């Protein structure tokens, strides 16, 4: 099994419930195919670099997972068939990308008060 990361953009006209349903659809598809979901992030509504299907914003989602290479083709077919998805990108992570993703996840899990603690300053 290889480790993959997929980022997909959902159309901005979806409600919160519809957006979560779309994400759950793709997560459950991956699990049905025997994939292991490692990380999932919702980056929220972001401005697109250029209009896609006359939309200037979209809901960004990231899923990091381990899967067989044949699963990727099936996943991308599902992305193409789902009208809620306006763009997607899936790539196989090499060992450096895996290490970077692990570091990024560990930094995100540090509480904010620890990150904002400036040493040597008095208030």
PDB file of N, CA and C in Angstrom:
ATOM      1  N   UNK A   1       0.838  -1.194   0.000  1.00  0.00           N
ATOM      2  CA  UNK A   1       0.000   0.000   0.000  1.00  0.00           C
ATOM      3  C   UNK A   1       0.875   1.246   0.000  1.00  0.00           C
ATOM      4  N   UNK A   2       0.497   2.192  -0.818  1.00  0.00           N
ATOM      5  CA  UNK A   2       1.181   3.481  -0.875  1.00  0.00           C
ATOM      6  C   UNK A   2       0.406   4.508  -0.066  1.00  0.00           C
ATOM      7  N   UNK A   3       1.088   5.562   0.321  1.00  0.00           N
ATOM      8  CA  UNK A   3       0.416   6.652   1.031  1.00  0.00           C
ATOM      9  C   UNK A   3       0.121   7.768   0.042  1.00  0.00           C
ATOM     10  N   UNK A   4      -1.108   8.259   0.074  1.00  0.00           N
ATOM     11  CA  UNK A   4      -1.565   9.290  -0.848  1.00  0.00           C
ATOM     12  C   UNK A   4      -2.149  10.462  -0.080  1.00  0.00           C
ATOM     13  N   UNK A   5      -2.203  11.588  -0.777  1.00  0.00           N
ATOM     14  CA  UNK A   5      -2.877  12.770  -0.257  1.00  0.00           C
ATOM     15  C   UNK A   5      -3.742  13.303  -1.390  1.00  0.00           C
ATOM     16  N   UNK A   6      -4.990  13.565  -1.096  1.00  0.00           N
ATOM     17  CA  UNK A   6      -5.868  14.139  -2.105  1.00  0.00           C
ATOM     18  C   UNK A   6      -6.482  15.419  -1.555  1.00  0.00           C
ATOM     19  N   UNK A   7      -6.481  16.431  -2.386  1.00  0.00           N
ATOM     20  CA  UNK A   7      -7.132  17.697  -2.059  1.00  0.00           C
ATOM     21  C   UNK A   7      -8.208  17.894  -3.108  1.00  0.00           C
ATOM     22  N   UNK A   8      -9.421  18.159  -2.646  1.00  0.00           N
ATOM     23  CA  UNK A   8     -10.489  18.428  -3.603  1.00  0.00           C
ATOM     24  C   UNK A   8     -11.247  19.672  -3.182  1.00  0.00           C
ATOM     25  N   UNK A   9     -11.810  20.343  -4.179  1.00  0.00           N
ATOM     26  CA  UNK A   9     -12.536  21.594  -3.952  1.00  0.00           C
ATOM     27  C   UNK A   9     -14.002  21.343  -4.266  1.00  0.00           C
ATOM     28  N   UNK A  10     -14.850  21.646  -3.298  1.00  0.00           N
ATOM     29  CA  UNK A  10     -16.295  21.496  -3.468  1.00  0.00           C
ATOM     30  C   UNK A  10     -16.903  22.845  -3.822  1.00  0.00           C
ATOM     31  N   UNK A  11     -17.972  22.804  -4.587  1.00  0.00           N
ATOM     32  CA  UNK A  11     -18.650  24.027  -5.007  1.00  0.00           C
ATOM     33  C   UNK A  11     -19.122  24.835  -3.795  1.00  0.00           C
ATOM     34  N   UNK A  12     -19.050  26.147  -3.853  1.00  0.00           N
ATOM     35  CA  UNK A  12     -19.387  26.978  -2.689  1.00  0.00           C
ATOM     36  C   UNK A  12     -20.885  27.099  -2.410  1.00  0.00           C
ATOM     37  N   UNK A  13     -21.739  26.579  -3.268  1.00  0.00           N
ATOM     38  CA  UNK A  13     -23.183  26.715  -3.057  1.00  0.00           C
ATOM     39  C   UNK A  13     -23.739  25.644  -2.112  1.00  0.00           C
ATOM     40  N   UNK A  14     -22.889  24.762  -1.605  1.00  0.00           N
ATOM     41  CA  UNK A  14     -23.343  23.697  -0.715  1.00  0.00           C
ATOM     42  C   UNK A  14     -23.566  24.216   0.701  1.00  0.00           C
ATOM     43  N   UNK A  15     -24.552  23.626   1.378  1.00  0.00           N
ATOM     44  CA  UNK A  15     -24.736  23.913   2.804  1.00  0.00           C
ATOM     45  C   UNK A  15     -23.694  23.105   3.579  1.00  0.00           C
ATOM     46  N   UNK A  16     -23.567  23.378   4.874  1.00  0.00           N
ATOM     47  CA  UNK A  16     -22.628  22.628   5.712  1.00  0.00           C
ATOM     48  C   UNK A  16     -22.937  21.137   5.679  1.00  0.00           C
ATOM     49  N   UNK A  17     -24.221  20.799   5.760  1.00  0.00           N
ATOM     50  CA  UNK A  17     -24.639  19.398   5.770  1.00  0.00           C
ATOM     51  C   UNK A  17     -24.267  18.729   4.448  1.00  0.00           C
ATOM     52  N   UNK A  18     -24.540  19.402   3.327  1.00  0.00           N
ATOM     53  CA  UNK A  18     -24.220  18.832   2.016  1.00  0.00           C
ATOM     54  C   UNK A  18     -22.714  18.651   1.845  1.00  0.00           C
ATOM     55  N   UNK A  19     -21.947  19.604   2.357  1.00  0.00           N
ATOM     56  CA  UNK A  19     -20.493  19.510   2.261  1.00  0.00           C
ATOM     57  C   UNK A  19     -19.991  18.300   3.051  1.00  0.00           C
ATOM     58  N   UNK A  20     -20.493  18.133   4.275  1.00  0.00           N
ATOM     59  CA  UNK A  20     -20.072  17.004   5.104  1.00  0.00           C
ATOM     60  C   UNK A  20     -20.493  15.676   4.484  1.00  0.00           C
ATOM     61  N   UNK A  21     -21.685  15.648   3.854  1.00  0.00           N
ATOM     62  CA  UNK A  21     -22.137  14.433   3.176  1.00  0.00           C
ATOM     63  C   UNK A  21     -21.194  14.064   2.038  1.00  0.00           C
ATOM     64  N   UNK A  22     -20.749  15.052   1.280  1.00  0.00           N
ATOM     65  CA  UNK A  22     -19.835  14.800   0.163  1.00  0.00           C
ATOM     66  C   UNK A  22     -18.511  14.235   0.673  1.00  0.00           C
ATOM     67  N   UNK A  23     -17.980  14.824   1.735  1.00  0.00           N
ATOM     68  CA  UNK A  23     -16.712  14.349   2.299  1.00  0.00           C
ATOM     69  C   UNK A  23     -16.881  12.926   2.823  1.00  0.00           C
ATOM     70  N   UNK A  24     -17.982  12.669   3.521  1.00  0.00           N
ATOM     71  CA  UNK A  24     -18.241  11.327   4.053  1.00  0.00           C
ATOM     72  C   UNK A  24     -18.370  10.304   2.932  1.00  0.00           C
ATOM     73  N   UNK A  25     -18.956  10.705   1.817  1.00  0.00           N
ATOM     74  CA  UNK A  25     -19.101   9.803   0.665  1.00  0.00           C
ATOM     75  C   UNK A  25     -17.730   9.317   0.200  1.00  0.00           C
ATOM     76  N   UNK A  26     -16.782  10.246   0.069  1.00  0.00           N
ATOM     77  CA  UNK A  26     -15.454   9.867  -0.411  1.00  0.00           C
ATOM     78  C   UNK A  26     -14.676   9.088   0.644  1.00  0.00           C
ATOM     79  N   UNK A  27     -14.837   9.454   1.917  1.00  0.00           N
ATOM     80  CA  UNK A  27     -14.171   8.708   2.986  1.00  0.00           C
ATOM     81  C   UNK A  27     -14.702   7.277   3.065  1.00  0.00           C
ATOM     82  N   UNK A  28     -16.018   7.115   2.981  1.00  0.00           N
ATOM     83  CA  UNK A  28     -16.580   5.768   3.060  1.00  0.00           C
ATOM     84  C   UNK A  28     -16.191   4.945   1.834  1.00  0.00           C
ATOM     85  N   UNK A  29     -16.085   5.590   0.664  1.00  0.00           N
ATOM     86  CA  UNK A  29     -15.621   4.874  -0.529  1.00  0.00           C
ATOM     87  C   UNK A  29     -14.213   4.327  -0.296  1.00  0.00           C
ATOM     88  N   UNK A  30     -13.336   5.177   0.244  1.00  0.00           N
ATOM     89  CA  UNK A  30     -11.961   4.740   0.502  1.00  0.00           C
ATOM     90  C   UNK A  30     -11.933   3.577   1.493  1.00  0.00           C
ATOM     91  N   UNK A  31     -12.739   3.655   2.542  1.00  0.00           N
ATOM     92  CA  UNK A  31     -12.766   2.587   3.540  1.00  0.00           C
ATOM     93  C   UNK A  31     -13.324   1.295   2.951  1.00  0.00           C
ATOM     94  N   UNK A  32     -14.329   1.402   2.071  1.00  0.00           N
ATOM     95  CA  UNK A  32     -14.877   0.211   1.412  1.00  0.00           C
ATOM     96  C   UNK A  32     -13.830  -0.465   0.532  1.00  0.00           C
ATOM     97  N   UNK A  33     -12.927   0.322  -0.021  1.00  0.00           N
ATOM     98  CA  UNK A  33     -11.864  -0.215  -0.876  1.00  0.00           C
ATOM     99  C   UNK A  33     -10.685  -0.746  -0.060  1.00  0.00           C
ATOM    100  N   UNK A  34     -10.785  -0.702   1.263  1.00  0.00           N
ATOM    101  CA  UNK A  34      -9.735  -1.231   2.123  1.00  0.00           C
ATOM    102  C   UNK A  34      -8.635  -0.239   2.443  1.00  0.00           C
ATOM    103  N   UNK A  35      -8.896   1.036   2.233  1.00  0.00           N
ATOM    104  CA  UNK A  35      -7.897   2.071   2.514  1.00  0.00           C
ATOM    105  C   UNK A  35      -7.945   2.470   3.985  1.00  0.00           C
ATOM    106  N   UNK A  36      -6.822   2.956   4.467  1.00  0.00           N
ATOM    107  CA  UNK A  36      -6.727   3.447   5.843  1.00  0.00           C
ATOM    108  C   UNK A  36      -6.600   4.964   5.798  1.00  0.00           C
ATOM    109  N   UNK A  37      -7.575   5.663   6.371  1.00  0.00           N
ATOM    110  CA  UNK A  37      -7.539   7.124   6.392  1.00  0.00           C
ATOM    111  C   UNK A  37      -6.651   7.563   7.554  1.00  0.00           C
ATOM    112  N   UNK A  38      -5.628   8.345   7.228  1.00  0.00           N
ATOM    113  CA  UNK A  38      -4.650   8.781   8.220  1.00  0.00           C
ATOM    114  C   UNK A  38      -5.010  10.147   8.782  1.00  0.00           C
ATOM    115  N   UNK A  39      -5.420  11.050   7.897  1.00  0.00           N
ATOM    116  CA  UNK A  39      -5.697  12.422   8.320  1.00  0.00           C
ATOM    117  C   UNK A  39      -6.756  13.017   7.406  1.00  0.00           C
ATOM    118  N   UNK A  40      -7.559  13.897   7.988  1.00  0.00           N
ATOM    119  CA  UNK A  40      -8.575  14.614   7.211  1.00  0.00           C
ATOM    120  C   UNK A  40      -8.596  16.048   7.718  1.00  0.00           C
ATOM    121  N   UNK A  41      -8.594  16.987   6.789  1.00  0.00           N
ATOM    122  CA  UNK A  41      -8.633  18.397   7.164  1.00  0.00           C
ATOM    123  C   UNK A  41      -9.636  19.125   6.291  1.00  0.00           C
ATOM    124  N   UNK A  42     -10.366  20.021   6.911  1.00  0.00           N
ATOM    125  CA  UNK A  42     -11.242  20.918   6.169  1.00  0.00           C
ATOM    126  C   UNK A  42     -10.613  22.300   6.226  1.00  0.00           C
ATOM    127  N   UNK A  43     -10.228  22.809   5.072  1.00  0.00           N
ATOM    128  CA  UNK A  43      -9.578  24.116   5.023  1.00  0.00           C
ATOM    129  C   UNK A  43     -10.583  25.242   4.879  1.00  0.00           C
ATOM    130  N   UNK A  44     -11.854  24.895   4.745  1.00  0.00           N
ATOM    131  CA  UNK A  44     -12.903  25.905   4.688  1.00  0.00           C
ATOM    132  C   UNK A  44     -13.055  26.555   3.322  1.00  0.00           C
ATOM    133  N   UNK A  45     -13.816  27.635   3.314  1.00  0.00           N
ATOM    134  CA  UNK A  45     -14.100  28.370   2.079  1.00  0.00           C
ATOM    135  C   UNK A  45     -12.923  29.277   1.756  1.00  0.00           C
ATOM    136  N   UNK A  46     -12.342  29.069   0.586  1.00  0.00           N
ATOM    137  CA  UNK A  46     -11.174  29.861   0.166  1.00  0.00           C
ATOM    138  C   UNK A  46     -11.417  30.428  -1.226  1.00  0.00           C
ATOM    139  N   UNK A  47     -10.742  31.526  -1.504  1.00  0.00           N
ATOM    140  CA  UNK A  47     -10.811  32.139  -2.827  1.00  0.00           C
ATOM    141  C   UNK A  47      -9.964  31.317  -3.791  1.00  0.00           C
ATOM    142  N   UNK A  48     -10.489  31.078  -4.978  1.00  0.00           N
ATOM    143  CA  UNK A  48      -9.756  30.347  -6.006  1.00  0.00           C
ATOM    144  C   UNK A  48      -8.797  31.291  -6.729  1.00  0.00           C
ATOM    145  N   UNK A  49      -7.726  30.754  -7.268  1.00  0.00           N
ATOM    146  CA  UNK A  49      -6.750  31.563  -8.000  1.00  0.00           C
ATOM    147  C   UNK A  49      -7.360  32.113  -9.290  1.00  0.00           C
ATOM    148  N   UNK A  50      -8.286  31.364  -9.859  1.00  0.00           N
ATOM    149  CA  UNK A  50      -8.981  31.781 -11.077  1.00  0.00           C
ATOM    150  C   UNK A  50     -10.364  31.135 -11.050  1.00  0.00           C
ATOM    151  N   UNK A  51     -11.335  31.701 -11.744  1.00  0.00           N
ATOM    152  CA  UNK A  51     -12.692  31.135 -11.718  1.00  0.00           C
ATOM    153  C   UNK A  51     -12.740  29.725 -12.315  1.00  0.00           C
ATOM    154  N   UNK A  52     -13.489  28.863 -11.657  1.00  0.00           N
ATOM    155  CA  UNK A  52     -13.732  27.507 -12.144  1.00  0.00           C
ATOM    156  C   UNK A  52     -15.241  27.333 -12.183  1.00  0.00           C
ATOM    157  N   UNK A  53     -15.775  26.998 -13.335  1.00  0.00           N
ATOM    158  CA  UNK A  53     -17.223  26.850 -13.524  1.00  0.00           C
ATOM    159  C   UNK A  53     -17.961  28.088 -13.021  1.00  0.00           C
ATOM    160  N   UNK A  54     -17.409  29.243 -13.323  1.00  0.00           N
ATOM    161  CA  UNK A  54     -17.965  30.548 -12.946  1.00  0.00           C
ATOM    162  C   UNK A  54     -18.051  30.752 -11.431  1.00  0.00           C
ATOM    163  N   UNK A  55     -17.249  30.015 -10.677  1.00  0.00           N
ATOM    164  CA  UNK A  55     -17.198  30.158  -9.217  1.00  0.00           C
ATOM    165  C   UNK A  55     -15.836  30.744  -8.855  1.00  0.00           C
ATOM    166  N   UNK A  56     -15.820  31.667  -7.890  1.00  0.00           N
ATOM    167  CA  UNK A  56     -14.550  32.277  -7.488  1.00  0.00           C
ATOM    168  C   UNK A  56     -14.082  31.786  -6.116  1.00  0.00           C
ATOM    169  N   UNK A  57     -14.902  30.970  -5.433  1.00  0.00           N
ATOM    170  CA  UNK A  57     -14.524  30.388  -4.145  1.00  0.00           C
ATOM    171  C   UNK A  57     -14.892  28.910  -4.135  1.00  0.00           C
ATOM    172  N   UNK A  58     -14.380  28.189  -3.151  1.00  0.00           N
ATOM    173  CA  UNK A  58     -14.709  26.778  -3.012  1.00  0.00           C
ATOM    174  C   UNK A  58     -14.304  26.271  -1.640  1.00  0.00           C
ATOM    175  N   UNK A  59     -14.917  25.169  -1.224  1.00  0.00           N
ATOM    176  CA  UNK A  59     -14.585  24.521   0.046  1.00  0.00           C
ATOM    177  C   UNK A  59     -13.453  23.527  -0.205  1.00  0.00           C
ATOM    178  N   UNK A  60     -12.311  23.766   0.419  1.00  0.00           N
ATOM    179  CA  UNK A  60     -11.148  22.896   0.247  1.00  0.00           C
ATOM    180  C   UNK A  60     -11.168  21.788   1.299  1.00  0.00           C
ATOM    181  N   UNK A  61     -10.871  20.560   0.859  1.00  0.00           N
ATOM    182  CA  UNK A  61     -10.807  19.403   1.746  1.00  0.00           C
ATOM    183  C   UNK A  61      -9.533  18.626   1.445  1.00  0.00           C
ATOM    184  N   UNK A  62      -8.915  18.082   2.483  1.00  0.00           N
ATOM    185  CA  UNK A  62      -7.727  17.252   2.320  1.00  0.00           C
ATOM    186  C   UNK A  62      -7.977  15.922   3.002  1.00  0.00           C
ATOM    187  N   UNK A  63      -7.618  14.840   2.334  1.00  0.00           N
ATOM    188  CA  UNK A  63      -7.665  13.513   2.943  1.00  0.00           C
ATOM    189  C   UNK A  63      -6.320  12.846   2.667  1.00  0.00           C
ATOM    190  N   UNK A  64      -5.685  12.365   3.722  1.00  0.00           N
ATOM    191  CA  UNK A  64      -4.427  11.626   3.609  1.00  0.00           C
ATOM    192  C   UNK A  64      -4.747  10.177   3.953  1.00  0.00           C
ATOM    193  N   UNK A  65      -4.302   9.236   3.118  1.00  0.00           N
ATOM    194  CA  UNK A  65      -4.698   7.849   3.302  1.00  0.00           C
ATOM    195  C   UNK A  65      -3.685   6.891   2.696  1.00  0.00           C
ATOM    196  N   UNK A  66      -3.766   5.620   3.127  1.00  0.00           N
ATOM    197  CA  UNK A  66      -2.983   4.537   2.537  1.00  0.00           C
ATOM    198  C   UNK A  66      -3.940   3.703   1.706  1.00  0.00           C
ATOM    199  N   UNK A  67      -3.531   3.410   0.466  1.00  0.00           N
ATOM    200  CA  UNK A  67      -4.417   2.669  -0.427  1.00  0.00           C
ATOM    201  C   UNK A  67      -3.607   1.928  -1.479  1.00  0.00           C
ATOM    202  N   UNK A  68      -4.264   0.990  -2.129  1.00  0.00           N
ATOM    203  CA  UNK A  68      -3.686   0.316  -3.286  1.00  0.00           C
ATOM    204  C   UNK A  68      -3.789   1.239  -4.493  1.00  0.00           C
ATOM    205  N   UNK A  69      -2.842   1.151  -5.426  1.00  0.00           N
ATOM    206  CA  UNK A  69      -2.877   2.035  -6.607  1.00  0.00           C
ATOM    207  C   UNK A  69      -4.165   1.937  -7.424  1.00  0.00           C
ATOM    208  N   UNK A  70      -4.804   0.779  -7.448  1.00  0.00           N
ATOM    209  CA  UNK A  70      -6.039   0.636  -8.231  1.00  0.00           C
ATOM    210  C   UNK A  70      -7.182   1.452  -7.634  1.00  0.00           C
ATOM    211  N   UNK A  71      -7.121   1.715  -6.341  1.00  0.00           N
ATOM    212  CA  UNK A  71      -8.164   2.501  -5.676  1.00  0.00           C
ATOM    213  C   UNK A  71      -8.174   3.940  -6.172  1.00  0.00           C
ATOM    214  N   UNK A  72      -7.009   4.472  -6.543  1.00  0.00           N
ATOM    215  CA  UNK A  72      -6.905   5.874  -6.952  1.00  0.00           C
ATOM    216  C   UNK A  72      -7.716   6.131  -8.217  1.00  0.00           C
ATOM    217  N   UNK A  73      -7.622   5.225  -9.191  1.00  0.00           N
ATOM    218  CA  UNK A  73      -8.404   5.395 -10.423  1.00  0.00           C
ATOM    219  C   UNK A  73      -9.900   5.441 -10.116  1.00  0.00           C
ATOM    220  N   UNK A  74     -10.345   4.545  -9.243  1.00  0.00           N
ATOM    221  CA  UNK A  74     -11.768   4.507  -8.884  1.00  0.00           C
ATOM    222  C   UNK A  74     -12.189   5.777  -8.143  1.00  0.00           C
ATOM    223  N   UNK A  75     -11.316   6.252  -7.241  1.00  0.00           N
ATOM    224  CA  UNK A  75     -11.609   7.478  -6.491  1.00  0.00           C
ATOM    225  C   UNK A  75     -11.743   8.659  -7.447  1.00  0.00           C
ATOM    226  N   UNK A  76     -10.821   8.775  -8.393  1.00  0.00           N
ATOM    227  CA  UNK A  76     -10.855   9.905  -9.318  1.00  0.00           C
ATOM    228  C   UNK A  76     -12.054   9.832 -10.258  1.00  0.00           C
ATOM    229  N   UNK A  77     -12.499   8.639 -10.595  1.00  0.00           N
ATOM    230  CA  UNK A  77     -13.737   8.502 -11.377  1.00  0.00           C
ATOM    231  C   UNK A  77     -14.910   9.033 -10.562  1.00  0.00           C
ATOM    232  N   UNK A  78     -14.931   8.712  -9.259  1.00  0.00           N
ATOM    233  CA  UNK A  78     -15.991   9.234  -8.385  1.00  0.00           C
ATOM    234  C   UNK A  78     -15.952  10.751  -8.303  1.00  0.00           C
ATOM    235  N   UNK A  79     -14.745  11.329  -8.226  1.00  0.00           N
ATOM    236  CA  UNK A  79     -14.623  12.790  -8.210  1.00  0.00           C
ATOM    237  C   UNK A  79     -15.201  13.392  -9.490  1.00  0.00           C
ATOM    238  N   UNK A  80     -14.861  12.801 -10.635  1.00  0.00           N
ATOM    239  CA  UNK A  80     -15.331  13.333 -11.924  1.00  0.00           C
ATOM    240  C   UNK A  80     -16.851  13.238 -12.062  1.00  0.00           C
ATOM    241  N   UNK A  81     -17.429  12.196 -11.509  1.00  0.00           N
ATOM    242  CA  UNK A  81     -18.878  11.985 -11.641  1.00  0.00           C
ATOM    243  C   UNK A  81     -19.700  12.824 -10.670  1.00  0.00           C
ATOM    244  N   UNK A  82     -19.079  13.306  -9.613  1.00  0.00           N
ATOM    245  CA  UNK A  82     -19.805  14.068  -8.591  1.00  0.00           C
ATOM    246  C   UNK A  82     -19.794  15.547  -8.963  1.00  0.00           C
ATOM    247  N   UNK A  83     -20.963  16.103  -9.203  1.00  0.00           N
ATOM    248  CA  UNK A  83     -21.048  17.505  -9.638  1.00  0.00           C
ATOM    249  C   UNK A  83     -20.678  18.495  -8.539  1.00  0.00           C
ATOM    250  N   UNK A  84     -20.586  18.039  -7.289  1.00  0.00           N
ATOM    251  CA  UNK A  84     -20.199  18.933  -6.192  1.00  0.00           C
ATOM    252  C   UNK A  84     -18.698  19.232  -6.202  1.00  0.00           C
ATOM    253  N   UNK A  85     -17.906  18.372  -6.851  1.00  0.00           N
ATOM    254  CA  UNK A  85     -16.449  18.538  -6.902  1.00  0.00           C
ATOM    255  C   UNK A  85     -16.091  19.346  -8.140  1.00  0.00           C
ATOM    256  N   UNK A  86     -15.405  20.484  -7.917  1.00  0.00           N
ATOM    257  CA  UNK A  86     -15.025  21.298  -9.075  1.00  0.00           C
ATOM    258  C   UNK A  86     -13.556  21.107  -9.458  1.00  0.00           C
ATOM    259  N   UNK A  87     -12.715  20.637  -8.554  1.00  0.00           N
ATOM    260  CA  UNK A  87     -11.313  20.314  -8.853  1.00  0.00           C
ATOM    261  C   UNK A  87     -10.822  19.297  -7.827  1.00  0.00           C
ATOM    262  N   UNK A  88      -9.838  18.487  -8.242  1.00  0.00           N
ATOM    263  CA  UNK A  88      -9.209  17.556  -7.309  1.00  0.00           C
ATOM    264  C   UNK A  88      -7.788  17.273  -7.764  1.00  0.00           C
ATOM    265  N   UNK A  89      -6.966  16.887  -6.822  1.00  0.00           N
ATOM    266  CA  UNK A  89      -5.592  16.486  -7.111  1.00  0.00           C
ATOM    267  C   UNK A  89      -5.198  15.416  -6.105  1.00  0.00           C
ATOM    268  N   UNK A  90      -4.727  14.284  -6.613  1.00  0.00           N
ATOM    269  CA  UNK A  90      -4.273  13.195  -5.765  1.00  0.00           C
ATOM    270  C   UNK A  90      -2.827  12.889  -6.131  1.00  0.00           C
ATOM    271  N   UNK A  91      -1.985  12.736  -5.129  1.00  0.00           N
ATOM    272  CA  UNK A  91      -0.610  12.348  -5.435  1.00  0.00           C
ATOM    273  C   UNK A  91      -0.085  11.363  -4.412  1.00  0.00           C
ATOM    274  N   UNK A  92       0.851  10.524  -4.878  1.00  0.00           N
ATOM    275  CA  UNK A  92       1.492   9.544  -4.013  1.00  0.00           C
ATOM    276  C   UNK A  92       2.600  10.246  -3.248  1.00  0.00           C
ATOM    277  N   UNK A  93       2.608  10.052  -1.951  1.00  0.00           N
ATOM    278  CA  UNK A  93       3.587  10.722  -1.093  1.00  0.00           C
ATOM    279  C   UNK A  93       4.856   9.874  -1.002  1.00  0.00           C
ATOM    280  N   UNK A  94       6.015  10.505  -1.231  1.00  0.00           N
ATOM    281  CA  UNK A  94       7.276   9.806  -1.007  1.00  0.00           C
ATOM    282  C   UNK A  94       7.623   9.902   0.479  1.00  0.00           C
ATOM    283  N   UNK A  95       8.757   9.317   0.868  1.00  0.00           N
ATOM    284  CA  UNK A  95       9.086   9.274   2.303  1.00  0.00           C
ATOM    285  C   UNK A  95       9.268  10.668   2.896  1.00  0.00           C
ATOM    286  N   UNK A  96       9.743  11.621   2.088  1.00  0.00           N
ATOM    287  CA  UNK A  96       9.937  12.979   2.588  1.00  0.00           C
ATOM    288  C   UNK A  96       8.594  13.678   2.811  1.00  0.00           C
ATOM    289  N   UNK A  97       7.661  13.455   1.912  1.00  0.00           N
ATOM    290  CA  UNK A  97       6.329  14.046   2.062  1.00  0.00           C
ATOM    291  C   UNK A  97       5.615  13.454   3.273  1.00  0.00           C
ATOM    292  N   UNK A  98       5.808  12.163   3.511  1.00  0.00           N
ATOM    293  CA  UNK A  98       5.198  11.512   4.674  1.00  0.00           C
ATOM    294  C   UNK A  98       5.765  12.113   5.959  1.00  0.00           C
ATOM    295  N   UNK A  99       7.097  12.287   6.009  1.00  0.00           N
ATOM    296  CA  UNK A  99       7.722  12.895   7.192  1.00  0.00           C
ATOM    297  C   UNK A  99       7.216  14.318   7.410  1.00  0.00           C
ATOM    298  N   UNK A 100       7.135  15.083   6.334  1.00  0.00           N
ATOM    299  CA  UNK A 100       6.661  16.465   6.432  1.00  0.00           C
ATOM    300  C   UNK A 100       5.222  16.505   6.948  1.00  0.00           C
ATOM    301  N   UNK A 101       4.367  15.622   6.429  1.00  0.00           N
ATOM    302  CA  UNK A 101       2.967  15.594   6.853  1.00  0.00           C
ATOM    303  C   UNK A 101       2.855  15.232   8.332  1.00  0.00           C
ATOM    304  N   UNK A 102       3.698  14.301   8.790  1.00  0.00           N
ATOM    305  CA  UNK A 102       3.674  13.927  10.207  1.00  0.00           C
ATOM    306  C   UNK A 102       4.093  15.101  11.089  1.00  0.00           C
ATOM    307  N   UNK A 103       5.127  15.836  10.667  1.00  0.00           N
ATOM    308  CA  UNK A 103       5.557  17.012  11.434  1.00  0.00           C
ATOM    309  C   UNK A 103       4.466  18.075  11.458  1.00  0.00           C
ATOM    310  N   UNK A 104       3.831  18.280  10.318  1.00  0.00           N
ATOM    311  CA  UNK A 104       2.771  19.291  10.221  1.00  0.00           C
ATOM    312  C   UNK A 104       1.605  18.926  11.139  1.00  0.00           C
ATOM    313  N   UNK A 105       1.236  17.644  11.160  1.00  0.00           N
ATOM    314  CA  UNK A 105       0.146  17.199  12.041  1.00  0.00           C
ATOM    315  C   UNK A 105       0.522  17.383  13.505  1.00  0.00           C
ATOM    316  N   UNK A 106       1.769  17.072  13.860  1.00  0.00           N
ATOM    317  CA  UNK A 106       2.172  17.207  15.265  1.00  0.00           C
ATOM    318  C   UNK A 106       2.206  18.676  15.678  1.00  0.00           C
ATOM    319  N   UNK A 107       2.592  19.579  14.775  1.00  0.00           N
ATOM    320  CA  UNK A 107       2.575  21.007  15.099  1.00  0.00           C
ATOM    321  C   UNK A 107       1.152  21.518  15.278  1.00  0.00           C
ATOM    322  N   UNK A 108       0.224  20.994  14.500  1.00  0.00           N
ATOM    323  CA  UNK A 108      -1.175  21.423  14.619  1.00  0.00           C
ATOM    324  C   UNK A 108      -1.789  20.951  15.922  1.00  0.00           C
ATOM    325  N   UNK A 109      -1.270  19.851  16.486  1.00  0.00           N
ATOM    326  CA  UNK A 109      -1.861  19.325  17.721  1.00  0.00           C
ATOM    327  C   UNK A 109      -1.349  20.042  18.964  1.00  0.00           C
ATOM    328  N   UNK A 110      -0.296  20.869  18.823  1.00  0.00           N
ATOM    329  CA  UNK A 110       0.206  21.648  19.961  1.00  0.00           C
ATOM    330  C   UNK A 110      -0.810  22.736  20.291  1.00  0.00           C
ATOM    331  N   UNK A 111      -1.206  22.861  21.558  1.00  0.00           N
ATOM    332  CA  UNK A 111      -2.172  23.913  21.918  1.00  0.00           C
ATOM    333  C   UNK A 111      -1.644  25.299  21.565  1.00  0.00           C
ATOM    334  N   UNK A 112      -2.556  26.189  21.209  1.00  0.00           N
ATOM    335  CA  UNK A 112      -2.170  27.523  20.745  1.00  0.00           C
ATOM    336  C   UNK A 112      -1.439  28.330  21.810  1.00  0.00           C
ATOM    337  N   UNK A 113      -1.780  28.134  23.090  1.00  0.00           N
ATOM    338  CA  UNK A 113      -1.111  28.938  24.110  1.00  0.00           C
ATOM    339  C   UNK A 113       0.381  28.609  24.173  1.00  0.00           C
ATOM    340  N   UNK A 114       0.767  27.378  23.842  1.00  0.00           N
ATOM    341  CA  UNK A 114       2.190  27.032  23.819  1.00  0.00           C
ATOM    342  C   UNK A 114       2.895  27.676  22.631  1.00  0.00           C
ATOM    343  N   UNK A 115       2.231  27.752  21.483  1.00  0.00           N
ATOM    344  CA  UNK A 115       2.837  28.349  20.298  1.00  0.00           C
ATOM    345  C   UNK A 115       2.975  29.857  20.441  1.00  0.00           C
ATOM    346  N   UNK A 116       2.060  30.483  21.165  1.00  0.00           N
ATOM    347  CA  UNK A 116       2.072  31.934  21.298  1.00  0.00           C
ATOM    348  C   UNK A 116       2.891  32.413  22.493  1.00  0.00           C
ATOM    349  N   UNK A 117       3.483  31.514  23.208  1.00  0.00           N
ATOM    350  CA  UNK A 117       4.266  31.875  24.384  1.00  0.00           C
ATOM    351  C   UNK A 117       5.619  32.410  23.925  1.00  0.00           C
ATOM    352  N   UNK A 118       5.833  33.718  24.060  1.00  0.00           N
ATOM    353  CA  UNK A 118       7.085  34.349  23.654  1.00  0.00           C
ATOM    354  C   UNK A 118       8.014  34.401  24.852  1.00  0.00           C
ATOM    355  N   UNK A 119       9.157  33.762  24.730  1.00  0.00           N
ATOM    356  CA  UNK A 119      10.123  33.734  25.823  1.00  0.00           C
ATOM    357  C   UNK A 119      10.862  35.063  25.902  1.00  0.00           C
ATOM    358  N   UNK A 120      11.113  35.533  27.103  1.00  0.00           N
ATOM    359  CA  UNK A 120      11.886  36.745  27.298  1.00  0.00           C
ATOM    360  C   UNK A 120      11.069  38.019  27.249  1.00  0.00           C
ATOM    361  N   UNK A 121       9.780  37.936  27.085  1.00  0.00           N
ATOM    362  CA  UNK A 121       8.958  39.143  27.064  1.00  0.00           C
ATOM    363  C   UNK A 121       8.150  39.203  28.345  1.00  0.00           C
ATOM    364  N   UNK A 122       8.006  40.390  28.856  1.00  0.00           N
ATOM    365  CA  UNK A 122       7.187  40.582  30.051  1.00  0.00           C
ATOM    366  C   UNK A 122       6.056  41.527  29.713  1.00  0.00           C
ATOM    367  N   UNK A 123       4.925  41.194  30.239  1.00  0.00           N
ATOM    368  CA  UNK A 123       3.755  42.045  29.978  1.00  0.00           C
ATOM    369  C   UNK A 123       3.111  42.441  31.262  1.00  0.00           C
TER     370      UNK A 123
END
